[in-house]
PDB file of N, CA and C in Angstrom:
ATOM      1  N   UNK A   1     107.590   4.614 194.681  1.00  0.00           N
ATOM      2  CA  UNK A   1     106.330   5.222 195.061  1.00  0.00           C
ATOM      3  C   UNK A   1     106.377   6.669 194.618  1.00  0.00           C
ATOM      4  N   UNK A   2     105.360   7.075 193.880  1.00  0.00           N
ATOM      5  CA  UNK A   2     105.342   8.429 193.382  1.00  0.00           C
ATOM      6  C   UNK A   2     106.292   8.586 192.215  1.00  0.00           C
ATOM      7  N   UNK A   3     106.764   9.787 192.023  1.00  0.00           N
ATOM      8  CA  UNK A   3     107.718  10.025 190.933  1.00  0.00           C
ATOM      9  C   UNK A   3     107.086  10.088 189.568  1.00  0.00           C
ATOM     10  N   UNK A   4     105.827  10.447 189.515  1.00  0.00           N
ATOM     11  CA  UNK A   4     105.096  10.451 188.256  1.00  0.00           C
ATOM     12  C   UNK A   4     105.698  11.303 187.163  1.00  0.00           C
ATOM     13  N   UNK A   5     106.572  12.229 187.521  1.00  0.00           N
ATOM     14  CA  UNK A   5     107.206  13.055 186.498  1.00  0.00           C
ATOM     15  C   UNK A   5     108.333  12.313 185.795  1.00  0.00           C
ATOM     16  N   UNK A   6     108.766  11.172 186.351  1.00  0.00           N
ATOM     17  CA  UNK A   6     109.767  10.334 185.690  1.00  0.00           C
ATOM     18  C   UNK A   6     111.205  10.576 186.085  1.00  0.00           C
ATOM     19  N   UNK A   7     111.468  11.561 186.913  1.00  0.00           N
ATOM     20  CA  UNK A   7     112.860  11.887 187.264  1.00  0.00           C
ATOM     21  C   UNK A   7     113.526  10.802 188.106  1.00  0.00           C
ATOM     22  N   UNK A   8     112.809  10.244 189.063  1.00  0.00           N
ATOM     23  CA  UNK A   8     113.396   9.171 189.881  1.00  0.00           C
ATOM     24  C   UNK A   8     113.717   7.964 189.002  1.00  0.00           C
ATOM     25  N   UNK A   9     112.807   7.609 188.105  1.00  0.00           N
ATOM     26  CA  UNK A   9     113.051   6.491 187.187  1.00  0.00           C
ATOM     27  C   UNK A   9     114.267   6.778 186.309  1.00  0.00           C
ATOM     28  N   UNK A  10     114.368   7.997 185.813  1.00  0.00           N
ATOM     29  CA  UNK A  10     115.509   8.386 184.983  1.00  0.00           C
ATOM     30  C   UNK A  10     116.819   8.180 185.728  1.00  0.00           C
ATOM     31  N   UNK A  11     116.855   8.602 186.993  1.00  0.00           N
ATOM     32  CA  UNK A  11     118.089   8.475 187.769  1.00  0.00           C
ATOM     33  C   UNK A  11     118.405   7.020 188.110  1.00  0.00           C
ATOM     34  N   UNK A  12     117.396   6.247 188.429  1.00  0.00           N
ATOM     35  CA  UNK A  12     117.620   4.827 188.727  1.00  0.00           C
ATOM     36  C   UNK A  12     118.132   4.099 187.484  1.00  0.00           C
ATOM     37  N   UNK A  13     117.608   4.448 186.326  1.00  0.00           N
ATOM     38  CA  UNK A  13     118.019   3.799 185.078  1.00  0.00           C
ATOM     39  C   UNK A  13     119.467   4.103 184.697  1.00  0.00           C
ATOM     40  N   UNK A  14     120.074   5.078 185.311  1.00  0.00           N
ATOM     41  CA  UNK A  14     121.499   5.348 185.074  1.00  0.00           C
ATOM     42  C   UNK A  14     122.365   4.195 185.578  1.00  0.00           C
ATOM     43  N   UNK A  15     121.818   3.420 186.515  1.00  0.00           N
ATOM     44  CA  UNK A  15     122.540   2.271 187.066  1.00  0.00           C
ATOM     45  C   UNK A  15     122.227   1.057 186.209  1.00  0.00           C
ATOM     46  N   UNK A  16     123.170   0.663 185.392  1.00  0.00           N
ATOM     47  CA  UNK A  16     122.964  -0.411 184.417  1.00  0.00           C
ATOM     48  C   UNK A  16     122.636  -1.749 185.065  1.00  0.00           C
ATOM     49  N   UNK A  17     122.952  -1.909 186.353  1.00  0.00           N
ATOM     50  CA  UNK A  17     122.679  -3.174 187.039  1.00  0.00           C
ATOM     51  C   UNK A  17     121.188  -3.367 187.342  1.00  0.00           C
ATOM     52  N   UNK A  18     120.400  -2.318 187.211  1.00  0.00           N
ATOM     53  CA  UNK A  18     118.966  -2.435 187.471  1.00  0.00           C
ATOM     54  C   UNK A  18     118.317  -3.300 186.394  1.00  0.00           C
ATOM     55  N   UNK A  19     117.620  -4.331 186.845  1.00  0.00           N
ATOM     56  CA  UNK A  19     116.971  -5.240 185.908  1.00  0.00           C
ATOM     57  C   UNK A  19     115.514  -4.876 185.670  1.00  0.00           C
ATOM     58  N   UNK A  20     114.867  -4.357 186.698  1.00  0.00           N
ATOM     59  CA  UNK A  20     113.441  -4.052 186.612  1.00  0.00           C
ATOM     60  C   UNK A  20     113.135  -2.901 187.558  1.00  0.00           C
ATOM     61  N   UNK A  21     112.323  -1.966 187.092  1.00  0.00           N
ATOM     62  CA  UNK A  21     111.900  -0.838 187.914  1.00  0.00           C
ATOM     63  C   UNK A  21     110.378  -0.798 187.881  1.00  0.00           C
ATOM     64  N   UNK A  22     109.782  -0.774 189.054  1.00  0.00           N
ATOM     65  CA  UNK A  22     108.335  -0.617 189.165  1.00  0.00           C
ATOM     66  C   UNK A  22     108.097   0.780 189.716  1.00  0.00           C
ATOM     67  N   UNK A  23     107.438   1.620 188.929  1.00  0.00           N
ATOM     68  CA  UNK A  23     107.102   2.967 189.385  1.00  0.00           C
ATOM     69  C   UNK A  23     105.593   3.030 189.557  1.00  0.00           C
ATOM     70  N   UNK A  24     105.161   3.367 190.759  1.00  0.00           N
ATOM     71  CA  UNK A  24     103.740   3.441 191.062  1.00  0.00           C
ATOM     72  C   UNK A  24     103.383   4.870 191.421  1.00  0.00           C
ATOM     73  N   UNK A  25     102.479   5.451 190.634  1.00  0.00           N
ATOM     74  CA  UNK A  25     102.011   6.804 190.907  1.00  0.00           C
ATOM     75  C   UNK A  25     100.490   6.803 190.854  1.00  0.00           C
ATOM     76  N   UNK A  26      99.883   7.600 191.677  1.00  0.00           N
ATOM     77  CA  UNK A  26      98.425   7.614 191.788  1.00  0.00           C
ATOM     78  C   UNK A  26      97.742   8.490 190.730  1.00  0.00           C
ATOM     79  N   UNK A  27      98.495   9.388 190.097  1.00  0.00           N
ATOM     80  CA  UNK A  27      97.882  10.407 189.250  1.00  0.00           C
ATOM     81  C   UNK A  27      98.200  10.215 187.764  1.00  0.00           C
ATOM     82  N   UNK A  28      97.289   9.600 187.051  1.00  0.00           N
ATOM     83  CA  UNK A  28      97.459   9.341 185.616  1.00  0.00           C
ATOM     84  C   UNK A  28      97.654  10.630 184.821  1.00  0.00           C
ATOM     85  N   UNK A  29      96.926  11.684 185.190  1.00  0.00           N
ATOM     86  CA  UNK A  29      97.040  12.950 184.453  1.00  0.00           C
ATOM     87  C   UNK A  29      98.447  13.540 184.559  1.00  0.00           C
ATOM     88  N   UNK A  30      99.018  13.492 185.750  1.00  0.00           N
ATOM     89  CA  UNK A  30     100.384  14.003 185.930  1.00  0.00           C
ATOM     90  C   UNK A  30     101.357  13.190 185.093  1.00  0.00           C
ATOM     91  N   UNK A  31     101.234  11.875 185.161  1.00  0.00           N
ATOM     92  CA  UNK A  31     102.132  11.001 184.399  1.00  0.00           C
ATOM     93  C   UNK A  31     102.008  11.292 182.902  1.00  0.00           C
ATOM     94  N   UNK A  32     100.787  11.366 182.401  1.00  0.00           N
ATOM     95  CA  UNK A  32     100.577  11.627 180.968  1.00  0.00           C
ATOM     96  C   UNK A  32     101.159  12.974 180.545  1.00  0.00           C
ATOM     97  N   UNK A  33     100.938  14.000 181.362  1.00  0.00           N
ATOM     98  CA  UNK A  33     101.471  15.320 181.058  1.00  0.00           C
ATOM     99  C   UNK A  33     103.000  15.277 180.999  1.00  0.00           C
ATOM    100  N   UNK A  34     103.608  14.649 181.993  1.00  0.00           N
ATOM    101  CA  UNK A  34     105.070  14.598 182.068  1.00  0.00           C
ATOM    102  C   UNK A  34     105.665  13.751 180.954  1.00  0.00           C
ATOM    103  N   UNK A  35     105.006  12.662 180.606  1.00  0.00           N
ATOM    104  CA  UNK A  35     105.474  11.833 179.495  1.00  0.00           C
ATOM    105  C   UNK A  35     105.535  12.652 178.205  1.00  0.00           C
ATOM    106  N   UNK A  36     104.579  13.539 178.049  1.00  0.00           N
ATOM    107  CA  UNK A  36     104.486  14.333 176.830  1.00  0.00           C
ATOM    108  C   UNK A  36     105.415  15.549 176.846  1.00  0.00           C
ATOM    109  N   UNK A  37     105.523  16.219 177.980  1.00  0.00           N
ATOM    110  CA  UNK A  37     106.178  17.527 177.995  1.00  0.00           C
ATOM    111  C   UNK A  37     107.551  17.587 178.660  1.00  0.00           C
ATOM    112  N   UNK A  38     107.902  16.660 179.517  1.00  0.00           N
ATOM    113  CA  UNK A  38     109.229  16.712 180.162  1.00  0.00           C
ATOM    114  C   UNK A  38     110.230  15.918 179.325  1.00  0.00           C
ATOM    115  N   UNK A  39     110.842  16.598 178.404  1.00  0.00           N
ATOM    116  CA  UNK A  39     111.731  15.924 177.452  1.00  0.00           C
ATOM    117  C   UNK A  39     112.906  15.222 178.138  1.00  0.00           C
ATOM    118  N   UNK A  40     113.349  15.734 179.275  1.00  0.00           N
ATOM    119  CA  UNK A  40     114.476  15.117 179.986  1.00  0.00           C
ATOM    120  C   UNK A  40     114.151  13.695 180.444  1.00  0.00           C
ATOM    121  N   UNK A  41     112.857  13.382 180.544  1.00  0.00           N
ATOM    122  CA  UNK A  41     112.462  12.067 181.050  1.00  0.00           C
ATOM    123  C   UNK A  41     111.852  11.155 179.983  1.00  0.00           C
ATOM    124  N   UNK A  42     111.850  11.581 178.733  1.00  0.00           N
ATOM    125  CA  UNK A  42     111.269  10.756 177.664  1.00  0.00           C
ATOM    126  C   UNK A  42     111.898   9.372 177.603  1.00  0.00           C
ATOM    127  N   UNK A  43     113.217   9.306 177.678  1.00  0.00           N
ATOM    128  CA  UNK A  43     113.914   8.003 177.594  1.00  0.00           C
ATOM    129  C   UNK A  43     113.511   7.088 178.743  1.00  0.00           C
ATOM    130  N   UNK A  44     113.373   7.628 179.929  1.00  0.00           N
ATOM    131  CA  UNK A  44     112.985   6.809 181.092  1.00  0.00           C
ATOM    132  C   UNK A  44     111.616   6.193 180.875  1.00  0.00           C
ATOM    133  N   UNK A  45     110.662   6.991 180.407  1.00  0.00           N
ATOM    134  CA  UNK A  45     109.315   6.470 180.193  1.00  0.00           C
ATOM    135  C   UNK A  45     109.276   5.413 179.091  1.00  0.00           C
ATOM    136  N   UNK A  46     110.203   5.474 178.146  1.00  0.00           N
ATOM    137  CA  UNK A  46     110.227   4.499 177.038  1.00  0.00           C
ATOM    138  C   UNK A  46     111.055   3.259 177.348  1.00  0.00           C
ATOM    139  N   UNK A  47     111.799   3.273 178.436  1.00  0.00           N
ATOM    140  CA  UNK A  47     112.696   2.168 178.749  1.00  0.00           C
ATOM    141  C   UNK A  47     111.911   0.901 179.080  1.00  0.00           C
ATOM    142  N   UNK A  48     112.323  -0.223 178.493  1.00  0.00           N
ATOM    143  CA  UNK A  48     111.629  -1.507 178.692  1.00  0.00           C
ATOM    144  C   UNK A  48     111.759  -2.040 180.116  1.00  0.00           C
ATOM    145  N   UNK A  49     112.729  -1.555 180.872  1.00  0.00           N
ATOM    146  CA  UNK A  49     112.893  -1.988 182.263  1.00  0.00           C
ATOM    147  C   UNK A  49     111.850  -1.358 183.190  1.00  0.00           C
ATOM    148  N   UNK A  50     111.212  -0.298 182.726  1.00  0.00           N
ATOM    149  CA  UNK A  50     110.244   0.428 183.550  1.00  0.00           C
ATOM    150  C   UNK A  50     108.854  -0.181 183.424  1.00  0.00           C
ATOM    151  N   UNK A  51     108.307  -0.565 184.558  1.00  0.00           N
ATOM    152  CA  UNK A  51     106.919  -1.032 184.644  1.00  0.00           C
ATOM    153  C   UNK A  51     106.156   0.058 185.384  1.00  0.00           C
ATOM    154  N   UNK A  52     105.375   0.837 184.652  1.00  0.00           N
ATOM    155  CA  UNK A  52     104.619   1.949 185.218  1.00  0.00           C
ATOM    156  C   UNK A  52     103.240   1.460 185.650  1.00  0.00           C
ATOM    157  N   UNK A  53     102.924   1.691 186.918  1.00  0.00           N
ATOM    158  CA  UNK A  53     101.648   1.274 187.488  1.00  0.00           C
ATOM    159  C   UNK A  53     100.937   2.523 188.007  1.00  0.00           C
ATOM    160  N   UNK A  54      99.680   2.679 187.614  1.00  0.00           N
ATOM    161  CA  UNK A  54      98.874   3.781 188.145  1.00  0.00           C
ATOM    162  C   UNK A  54      97.993   3.190 189.235  1.00  0.00           C
ATOM    163  N   UNK A  55      98.331   3.539 190.480  1.00  0.00           N
ATOM    164  CA  UNK A  55      97.619   2.988 191.630  1.00  0.00           C
ATOM    165  C   UNK A  55      98.074   3.750 192.873  1.00  0.00           C
ATOM    166  N   UNK A  56      97.359   3.568 193.940  1.00  0.00           N
ATOM    167  CA  UNK A  56      97.762   4.059 195.250  1.00  0.00           C
ATOM    168  C   UNK A  56      98.959   3.215 195.696  1.00  0.00           C
ATOM    169  N   UNK A  57     100.045   3.846 196.098  1.00  0.00           N
ATOM    170  CA  UNK A  57     101.273   3.120 196.451  1.00  0.00           C
ATOM    171  C   UNK A  57     101.063   2.149 197.609  1.00  0.00           C
ATOM    172  N   UNK A  58     100.298   2.539 198.584  1.00  0.00           N
ATOM    173  CA  UNK A  58     100.036   1.653 199.728  1.00  0.00           C
ATOM    174  C   UNK A  58      99.300   0.401 199.262  1.00  0.00           C
ATOM    175  N   UNK A  59      98.257   0.581 198.486  1.00  0.00           N
ATOM    176  CA  UNK A  59      97.493  -0.566 197.975  1.00  0.00           C
ATOM    177  C   UNK A  59      98.364  -1.452 197.084  1.00  0.00           C
ATOM    178  N   UNK A  60      99.182  -0.826 196.273  1.00  0.00           N
ATOM    179  CA  UNK A  60     100.048  -1.584 195.356  1.00  0.00           C
ATOM    180  C   UNK A  60     101.052  -2.432 196.134  1.00  0.00           C
ATOM    181  N   UNK A  61     101.685  -1.847 197.134  1.00  0.00           N
ATOM    182  CA  UNK A  61     102.641  -2.618 197.938  1.00  0.00           C
ATOM    183  C   UNK A  61     101.947  -3.748 198.701  1.00  0.00           C
ATOM    184  N   UNK A  62     100.772  -3.462 199.230  1.00  0.00           N
ATOM    185  CA  UNK A  62     100.040  -4.486 199.983  1.00  0.00           C
ATOM    186  C   UNK A  62      99.705  -5.697 199.120  1.00  0.00           C
ATOM    187  N   UNK A  63      99.368  -5.485 197.863  1.00  0.00           N
ATOM    188  CA  UNK A  63      98.926  -6.605 197.025  1.00  0.00           C
ATOM    189  C   UNK A  63     100.076  -7.344 196.343  1.00  0.00           C
ATOM    190  N   UNK A  64     101.231  -6.738 196.227  1.00  0.00           N
ATOM    191  CA  UNK A  64     102.368  -7.396 195.565  1.00  0.00           C
ATOM    192  C   UNK A  64     102.979  -8.465 196.461  1.00  0.00           C
ATOM    193  N   UNK A  65     103.340  -9.563 195.848  1.00  0.00           N
ATOM    194  CA  UNK A  65     103.966 -10.668 196.573  1.00  0.00           C
ATOM    195  C   UNK A  65     105.491 -10.564 196.572  1.00  0.00           C
ATOM    196  N   UNK A  66     106.037  -9.879 195.578  1.00  0.00           N
ATOM    197  CA  UNK A  66     107.486  -9.811 195.431  1.00  0.00           C
ATOM    198  C   UNK A  66     108.128  -8.917 196.491  1.00  0.00           C
ATOM    199  N   UNK A  67     109.431  -9.127 196.670  1.00  0.00           N
ATOM    200  CA  UNK A  67     110.224  -8.272 197.546  1.00  0.00           C
ATOM    201  C   UNK A  67     111.160  -7.456 196.672  1.00  0.00           C
ATOM    202  N   UNK A  68     111.579  -6.306 197.198  1.00  0.00           N
ATOM    203  CA  UNK A  68     112.375  -5.374 196.428  1.00  0.00           C
ATOM    204  C   UNK A  68     113.738  -5.157 197.072  1.00  0.00           C
ATOM    205  N   UNK A  69     114.732  -4.886 196.231  1.00  0.00           N
ATOM    206  CA  UNK A  69     116.065  -4.515 196.709  1.00  0.00           C
ATOM    207  C   UNK A  69     116.045  -3.086 197.246  1.00  0.00           C
ATOM    208  N   UNK A  70     115.290  -2.234 196.574  1.00  0.00           N
ATOM    209  CA  UNK A  70     115.218  -0.818 196.924  1.00  0.00           C
ATOM    210  C   UNK A  70     113.775  -0.345 196.746  1.00  0.00           C
ATOM    211  N   UNK A  71     113.304   0.419 197.692  1.00  0.00           N
ATOM    212  CA  UNK A  71     112.027   1.109 197.535  1.00  0.00           C
ATOM    213  C   UNK A  71     112.329   2.590 197.733  1.00  0.00           C
ATOM    214  N   UNK A  72     111.905   3.383 196.759  1.00  0.00           N
ATOM    215  CA  UNK A  72     112.151   4.824 196.791  1.00  0.00           C
ATOM    216  C   UNK A  72     110.820   5.543 196.915  1.00  0.00           C
ATOM    217  N   UNK A  73     110.746   6.460 197.865  1.00  0.00           N
ATOM    218  CA  UNK A  73     109.570   7.301 198.002  1.00  0.00           C
ATOM    219  C   UNK A  73     109.869   8.684 197.446  1.00  0.00           C
ATOM    220  N   UNK A  74     109.225   9.024 196.342  1.00  0.00           N
ATOM    221  CA  UNK A  74     109.361  10.347 195.730  1.00  0.00           C
ATOM    222  C   UNK A  74     107.961  10.948 195.742  1.00  0.00           C
ATOM    223  N   UNK A  75     107.565  11.408 196.909  1.00  0.00           N
ATOM    224  CA  UNK A  75     106.172  11.733 197.186  1.00  0.00           C
ATOM    225  C   UNK A  75     105.935  13.218 197.399  1.00  0.00           C
ATOM    226  N   UNK A  76     104.681  13.593 197.253  1.00  0.00           N
ATOM    227  CA  UNK A  76     104.267  14.954 197.600  1.00  0.00           C
ATOM    228  C   UNK A  76     104.303  15.112 199.122  1.00  0.00           C
ATOM    229  N   UNK A  77     104.188  16.333 199.576  1.00  0.00           N
ATOM    230  CA  UNK A  77     104.184  16.601 201.018  1.00  0.00           C
ATOM    231  C   UNK A  77     103.041  15.866 201.718  1.00  0.00           C
ATOM    232  N   UNK A  78     103.248  15.531 202.995  1.00  0.00           N
ATOM    233  CA  UNK A  78     102.220  14.810 203.761  1.00  0.00           C
ATOM    234  C   UNK A  78     101.141  15.742 204.301  1.00  0.00           C
ATOM    235  N   UNK A  79     100.352  16.297 203.416  1.00  0.00           N
ATOM    236  CA  UNK A  79      99.273  17.187 203.811  1.00  0.00           C
ATOM    237  C   UNK A  79      98.130  16.336 204.349  1.00  0.00           C
ATOM    238  N   UNK A  80      97.660  16.657 205.552  1.00  0.00           N
ATOM    239  CA  UNK A  80      96.589  15.867 206.160  1.00  0.00           C
ATOM    240  C   UNK A  80      95.387  15.794 205.217  1.00  0.00           C
ATOM    241  N   UNK A  81      94.942  14.568 204.963  1.00  0.00           N
ATOM    242  CA  UNK A  81      93.833  14.336 204.053  1.00  0.00           C
ATOM    243  C   UNK A  81      94.262  14.221 202.604  1.00  0.00           C
ATOM    244  N   UNK A  82      95.524  14.511 202.307  1.00  0.00           N
ATOM    245  CA  UNK A  82      96.041  14.413 200.945  1.00  0.00           C
ATOM    246  C   UNK A  82      96.373  12.977 200.583  1.00  0.00           C
ATOM    247  N   UNK A  83      96.682  12.721 199.317  1.00  0.00           N
ATOM    248  CA  UNK A  83      96.913  11.353 198.861  1.00  0.00           C
ATOM    249  C   UNK A  83      98.157  10.693 199.441  1.00  0.00           C
ATOM    250  N   UNK A  84      99.107  11.474 199.924  1.00  0.00           N
ATOM    251  CA  UNK A  84     100.355  10.898 200.429  1.00  0.00           C
ATOM    252  C   UNK A  84     100.439  10.830 201.945  1.00  0.00           C
ATOM    253  N   UNK A  85      99.504  11.402 202.629  1.00  0.00           N
ATOM    254  CA  UNK A  85      99.583  11.498 204.086  1.00  0.00           C
ATOM    255  C   UNK A  85      99.859  10.151 204.743  1.00  0.00           C
ATOM    256  N   UNK A  86      99.147   9.119 204.323  1.00  0.00           N
ATOM    257  CA  UNK A  86      99.296   7.787 204.920  1.00  0.00           C
ATOM    258  C   UNK A  86     100.657   7.152 204.616  1.00  0.00           C
ATOM    259  N   UNK A  87     101.389   7.693 203.653  1.00  0.00           N
ATOM    260  CA  UNK A  87     102.684   7.141 203.274  1.00  0.00           C
ATOM    261  C   UNK A  87     103.836   7.736 204.078  1.00  0.00           C
ATOM    262  N   UNK A  88     103.518   8.553 205.063  1.00  0.00           N
ATOM    263  CA  UNK A  88     104.521   9.170 205.932  1.00  0.00           C
ATOM    264  C   UNK A  88     104.325   8.764 207.389  1.00  0.00           C
ATOM    265  N   UNK A  89     103.776   7.605 207.630  1.00  0.00           N
ATOM    266  CA  UNK A  89     103.521   7.180 209.007  1.00  0.00           C
ATOM    267  C   UNK A  89     104.448   6.034 209.404  1.00  0.00           C
ATOM    268  N   UNK A  90     104.716   5.934 210.658  1.00  0.00           N
ATOM    269  CA  UNK A  90     105.541   4.847 211.164  1.00  0.00           C
ATOM    270  C   UNK A  90     104.892   3.505 210.857  1.00  0.00           C
ATOM    271  N   UNK A  91     103.587   3.423 210.981  1.00  0.00           N
ATOM    272  CA  UNK A  91     102.854   2.198 210.685  1.00  0.00           C
ATOM    273  C   UNK A  91     103.075   1.763 209.237  1.00  0.00           C
ATOM    274  N   UNK A  92     103.028   2.698 208.309  1.00  0.00           N
ATOM    275  CA  UNK A  92     103.249   2.369 206.898  1.00  0.00           C
ATOM    276  C   UNK A  92     104.651   1.810 206.693  1.00  0.00           C
ATOM    277  N   UNK A  93     105.649   2.467 207.270  1.00  0.00           N
ATOM    278  CA  UNK A  93     107.031   2.002 207.114  1.00  0.00           C
ATOM    279  C   UNK A  93     107.227   0.604 207.714  1.00  0.00           C
ATOM    280  N   UNK A  94     106.695   0.386 208.906  1.00  0.00           N
ATOM    281  CA  UNK A  94     106.897  -0.889 209.600  1.00  0.00           C
ATOM    282  C   UNK A  94     106.066  -2.027 209.014  1.00  0.00           C
ATOM    283  N   UNK A  95     104.813  -1.753 208.680  1.00  0.00           N
ATOM    284  CA  UNK A  95     103.890  -2.825 208.305  1.00  0.00           C
ATOM    285  C   UNK A  95     103.729  -3.050 206.812  1.00  0.00           C
ATOM    286  N   UNK A  96     104.072  -2.067 206.002  1.00  0.00           N
ATOM    287  CA  UNK A  96     103.899  -2.196 204.558  1.00  0.00           C
ATOM    288  C   UNK A  96     105.250  -2.216 203.841  1.00  0.00           C
ATOM    289  N   UNK A  97     106.084  -1.204 204.085  1.00  0.00           N
ATOM    290  CA  UNK A  97     107.349  -1.094 203.365  1.00  0.00           C
ATOM    291  C   UNK A  97     108.351  -2.164 203.798  1.00  0.00           C
ATOM    292  N   UNK A  98     108.624  -2.247 205.074  1.00  0.00           N
ATOM    293  CA  UNK A  98     109.666  -3.157 205.562  1.00  0.00           C
ATOM    294  C   UNK A  98     109.447  -4.612 205.128  1.00  0.00           C
ATOM    295  N   UNK A  99     108.235  -5.158 205.213  1.00  0.00           N
ATOM    296  CA  UNK A  99     108.040  -6.549 204.771  1.00  0.00           C
ATOM    297  C   UNK A  99     108.235  -6.756 203.261  1.00  0.00           C
ATOM    298  N   UNK A 100     108.221  -5.687 202.480  1.00  0.00           N
ATOM    299  CA  UNK A 100     108.402  -5.806 201.027  1.00  0.00           C
ATOM    300  C   UNK A 100     109.858  -5.656 200.598  1.00  0.00           C
ATOM    301  N   UNK A 101     110.745  -5.400 201.552  1.00  0.00           N
ATOM    302  CA  UNK A 101     112.171  -5.328 201.253  1.00  0.00           C
ATOM    303  C   UNK A 101     112.810  -6.695 201.441  1.00  0.00           C
ATOM    304  N   UNK A 102     113.756  -7.043 200.540  1.00  0.00           N
ATOM    305  CA  UNK A 102     114.477  -8.293 200.757  1.00  0.00           C
ATOM    306  C   UNK A 102     115.432  -8.118 201.945  1.00  0.00           C
ATOM    307  N   UNK A 103     116.162  -9.157 202.294  1.00  0.00           N
ATOM    308  CA  UNK A 103     116.987  -9.140 203.509  1.00  0.00           C
ATOM    309  C   UNK A 103     118.005  -8.004 203.561  1.00  0.00           C
ATOM    310  N   UNK A 104     118.508  -7.594 202.418  1.00  0.00           N
ATOM    311  CA  UNK A 104     119.484  -6.506 202.391  1.00  0.00           C
ATOM    312  C   UNK A 104     118.897  -5.239 201.756  1.00  0.00           C
ATOM    313  N   UNK A 105     117.583  -5.194 201.635  1.00  0.00           N
ATOM    314  CA  UNK A 105     116.918  -4.086 200.968  1.00  0.00           C
ATOM    315  C   UNK A 105     116.987  -2.786 201.754  1.00  0.00           C
ATOM    316  N   UNK A 106     116.844  -1.685 201.019  1.00  0.00           N
ATOM    317  CA  UNK A 106     116.863  -0.363 201.633  1.00  0.00           C
ATOM    318  C   UNK A 106     115.649   0.447 201.179  1.00  0.00           C
ATOM    319  N   UNK A 107     115.253   1.378 202.015  1.00  0.00           N
ATOM    320  CA  UNK A 107     114.187   2.315 201.709  1.00  0.00           C
ATOM    321  C   UNK A 107     114.772   3.709 201.736  1.00  0.00           C
ATOM    322  N   UNK A 108     114.499   4.483 200.702  1.00  0.00           N
ATOM    323  CA  UNK A 108     114.999   5.846 200.590  1.00  0.00           C
ATOM    324  C   UNK A 108     113.818   6.744 200.275  1.00  0.00           C
ATOM    325  N   UNK A 109     113.778   7.905 200.915  1.00  0.00           N
ATOM    326  CA  UNK A 109     112.729   8.861 200.592  1.00  0.00           C
ATOM    327  C   UNK A 109     113.278  10.270 200.703  1.00  0.00           C
ATOM    328  N   UNK A 110     112.602  11.174 200.074  1.00  0.00           N
ATOM    329  CA  UNK A 110     112.919  12.593 200.206  1.00  0.00           C
ATOM    330  C   UNK A 110     111.780  13.217 200.994  1.00  0.00           C
ATOM    331  N   UNK A 111     112.105  14.264 201.712  1.00  0.00           N
ATOM    332  CA  UNK A 111     111.089  14.934 202.509  1.00  0.00           C
ATOM    333  C   UNK A 111     111.130  16.409 202.144  1.00  0.00           C
ATOM    334  N   UNK A 112     110.005  16.908 201.680  1.00  0.00           N
ATOM    335  CA  UNK A 112     109.925  18.314 201.288  1.00  0.00           C
ATOM    336  C   UNK A 112     109.476  19.214 202.420  1.00  0.00           C
ATOM    337  N   UNK A 113     108.994  18.624 203.498  1.00  0.00           N
ATOM    338  CA  UNK A 113     108.331  19.446 204.494  1.00  0.00           C
ATOM    339  C   UNK A 113     108.701  19.019 205.907  1.00  0.00           C
ATOM    340  N   UNK A 114     108.803  19.984 206.778  1.00  0.00           N
ATOM    341  CA  UNK A 114     109.016  19.692 208.190  1.00  0.00           C
ATOM    342  C   UNK A 114     107.769  19.064 208.807  1.00  0.00           C
ATOM    343  N   UNK A 115     106.634  19.110 208.130  1.00  0.00           N
ATOM    344  CA  UNK A 115     105.400  18.566 208.685  1.00  0.00           C
ATOM    345  C   UNK A 115     105.456  17.043 208.813  1.00  0.00           C
ATOM    346  N   UNK A 116     106.483  16.422 208.246  1.00  0.00           N
ATOM    347  CA  UNK A 116     106.658  14.982 208.424  1.00  0.00           C
ATOM    348  C   UNK A 116     106.690  14.637 209.910  1.00  0.00           C
ATOM    349  N   UNK A 117     107.331  15.452 210.689  1.00  0.00           N
ATOM    350  CA  UNK A 117     107.442  15.192 212.120  1.00  0.00           C
ATOM    351  C   UNK A 117     106.074  15.182 212.797  1.00  0.00           C
ATOM    352  N   UNK A 118     105.151  15.901 212.243  1.00  0.00           N
ATOM    353  CA  UNK A 118     103.824  15.973 212.830  1.00  0.00           C
ATOM    354  C   UNK A 118     102.990  14.740 212.515  1.00  0.00           C
ATOM    355  N   UNK A 119     103.340  13.999 211.465  1.00  0.00           N
ATOM    356  CA  UNK A 119     102.511  12.866 211.062  1.00  0.00           C
ATOM    357  C   UNK A 119     102.974  11.541 211.650  1.00  0.00           C
ATOM    358  N   UNK A 120     104.116  11.514 212.326  1.00  0.00           N
ATOM    359  CA  UNK A 120     104.613  10.255 212.904  1.00  0.00           C
ATOM    360  C   UNK A 120     104.043  10.010 214.277  1.00  0.00           C
TER     361      UNK A 120
END
């Protein structure tokens, strides 16, 4: 979820055991800019294992039938009314993320802001 600049995909691709990576970002303009200008991530964007989806992460997870070994949240801060706010709620984790993980799956996220505590 998120990671439109390609850095999370780049780091995941370092693990040769990864068979498929689905990266979902809501902002096509950011992705296009980063694909063109962030040279450190050019290889990640060109990798055949990467399936880049431009969509709202919540909507994308809700509609997918598959389960994942790992779900990574590389999101912007949870600013109220912003595009990521709904992705920092207990309801989202319990009702959307958890059912999409396989039996031994894990969820990892980074938090840039202390305001996360305010949104739970």
